[in-house]
Amino acid sequence: MNKNSFHSGFATLVGKPNVGKSTLVNRLLAQKVSIVSSKPQTTRHRVLGVKHGKNYQIVFVDLPGFLKPTDELGKYMRKTIREETEAADILVFMVDASHDPQEEDLKGASFVKSEKESRQVPLLLVINKTDLAKEEEYPARKEAFLKLLPFDEMVEISALHGKNTEELIRKIVKFLPEGPPFFDREQNTDQSPEFRFAEIVREKVLSKTRQEVPHGVFVVTEDIRDGATPDTLYIRAVIYVEKKNHKMIIIGKDGAKLKIIGTMAREEIEKITGKKVFLDLWIKVKEDWKDRKDLLKSWGYE
């Protein structure tokens, strides 16, 4: 890499669900661009996060976790992974140091291997959550991860605590192709306000609901407009669920849970916009929406 020239490229993050891809992107950008939850399938679209350096720009591509598709939504997510890895300048394969390689790791590694071999794209192994690994178990586990793929570089990190993340940046920059930036320096993501606000609401729903609800939740921002004064904002969002009992779970007794969800989302949106926000939340039941191509297409899954 010529240190006197500018380098830019797309670093695509691939790995199983909950391996920490979104946490890593948020940490590297020092701001939240991807919602985070312990629930699988939190990330459903690809999310871009732009890291600006003195002589480089890294466009991180945060992808859905690698899972076997069980519905139309899952097929879309797998299609997204395939398309984004095909366009990557650098592939970043993430694994979880707190347990041995799992089936999703093996399938993801096989998928990434074929892409690396076909295009000779640089491949980095990122072993995340090293802070959670037991000292006596980790050396053998690390060797097992290293055998998954022919990696060009490897780095051990804790995305949550920021351990070795600067080293990861240095390793990625080393492989960036020479070229102009893709985004203005003031831009850190390509998300629309509608998408970003909807995702914030969905994140709060995930944090306040039981395990059976999150997979069937989708949020659409239907309206954003100025409020009665210039420093106010009105947002209407609809929370779609698959079952009537899921609707009741989200509402909670006397509407208490929905109120908490709304308050948490509103406060975060106010920090982003710098305005007083009136957040109008509605809940609608759309049975089997994850298998309805018409709905998925209208919601941006194409």
Foldseek 3Di string as FASTA:
>chain_A
DDPVFAFEWEEEEAAAFPLCLQLLLCLQLVHHFAFDDNAAPLDQAWWWFWHDDPRYIYTYTYAHGQDDDDALSSVLRVVRVLVVLLRGQEYEYEDEQQDADDPSSLVRLVSNQVSCVVPVHAYEYEHEPPVNHDPVPRVVRVVRSPVSHPHPYYDYYYSNVGGCSVVVVVVVVVRTGGDDDPDDPVDTTPDDPQVRLQSLLLSLLNVQADRVWSVFWGKGWDDWDADPDNQEIETEMEIEGADPVSVDRCCDDVRVNVVVSVVSSQVVVCVVPVGRYDYHYHYDHDHPLRRDPVNCVVVPRD
